[in-house]
Amino acid sequence: MLEYVTKLTLVPSRVTSHDVDELRGAGFSDRDVLDIAEVTAYYAYANRIADGLGVPVETWVEN
């Protein structure tokens, strides 16, 4: 799952149905795969909105 999330985050154009099949092979249901993709996409969206608006990073976050 973490390899899929990393790939979806860093190089989304390289994600293929094979990646989804690997998740299924590891025991994830189609609903699980959807949830994983949605959470990953949401965080990417939220971070880009914050970055695009110049929202400062919280002081507790290490760069």
Protein backbone atom coordinates (compact mmCIF):
# COMPACT_ATOMS: atom_id res chain seq x y z
CA MET A 1 0.00 0.00 0.00
CA LEU A 2 2.74 2.46 0.89
CA GLU A 3 4.53 1.82 -2.40
CA TYR A 4 1.27 2.54 -4.24
CA VAL A 5 0.68 5.74 -2.24
CA THR A 6 4.23 6.91 -2.88
CA LYS A 7 3.89 6.24 -6.60
CA LEU A 8 0.49 7.95 -6.76
CA THR A 9 1.93 10.97 -4.95
CA LEU A 10 5.22 11.34 -6.80
CA VAL A 11 4.53 10.01 -10.31
CA PRO A 12 0.76 9.60 -10.71
CA SER A 13 1.00 9.24 -14.49
CA ARG A 14 2.90 5.97 -13.96
CA VAL A 15 0.15 4.28 -11.92
CA THR A 16 -1.42 1.43 -13.88
CA SER A 17 -4.00 -1.27 -13.38
CA HIS A 18 -1.09 -3.54 -12.42
CA ASP A 19 -0.55 -1.42 -9.30
CA VAL A 20 -4.21 -1.88 -8.37
CA ASP A 21 -3.94 -5.62 -9.04
CA GLU A 22 -0.98 -5.79 -6.65
CA LEU A 23 -3.09 -4.19 -3.93
CA ARG A 24 -5.85 -6.71 -4.58
CA GLY A 25 -3.27 -9.49 -4.40
CA ALA A 26 -2.21 -8.19 -1.00
CA GLY A 27 -5.78 -8.55 0.23
CA PHE A 28 -7.21 -5.07 -0.34
CA SER A 29 -10.77 -4.92 -1.62
CA ASP A 30 -11.85 -2.61 -4.42
CA ARG A 31 -13.37 -0.35 -1.76
CA ASP A 32 -10.05 -0.34 0.11
CA VAL A 33 -8.22 0.67 -3.07
CA LEU A 34 -10.71 3.48 -3.65
CA ASP A 35 -10.28 4.70 -0.07
CA ILE A 36 -6.48 4.61 -0.39
CA ALA A 37 -6.58 6.58 -3.65
CA GLU A 38 -9.08 9.11 -2.28
CA VAL A 39 -7.12 9.80 0.90
CA THR A 40 -3.89 10.14 -1.08
CA ALA A 41 -5.55 12.50 -3.56
CA TYR A 42 -7.17 14.55 -0.80
CA TYR A 43 -3.85 15.18 0.95
CA ALA A 44 -2.21 16.11 -2.35
CA TYR A 45 -5.07 18.54 -3.03
CA ALA A 46 -5.05 20.06 0.45
CA ASN A 47 -1.28 20.51 0.44
CA ARG A 48 -1.31 22.15 -2.99
CA ILE A 49 -4.05 24.55 -1.92
CA ALA A 50 -2.11 25.47 1.21
CA ASP A 51 1.13 25.87 -0.75
CA GLY A 52 -0.64 27.88 -3.44
CA LEU A 53 -2.03 30.29 -0.87
CA GLY A 54 1.27 30.62 0.97
CA VAL A 55 -0.01 29.07 4.18
CA PRO A 56 3.00 28.76 6.47
CA VAL A 57 4.09 25.35 7.69
CA GLU A 58 3.22 24.62 11.30
CA THR A 59 6.13 25.18 13.66
CA TRP A 60 6.04 21.56 14.83
CA VAL A 61 6.59 20.20 11.30
CA GLU A 62 10.20 19.39 10.45
CA ASN A 63 11.29 20.39 6.94
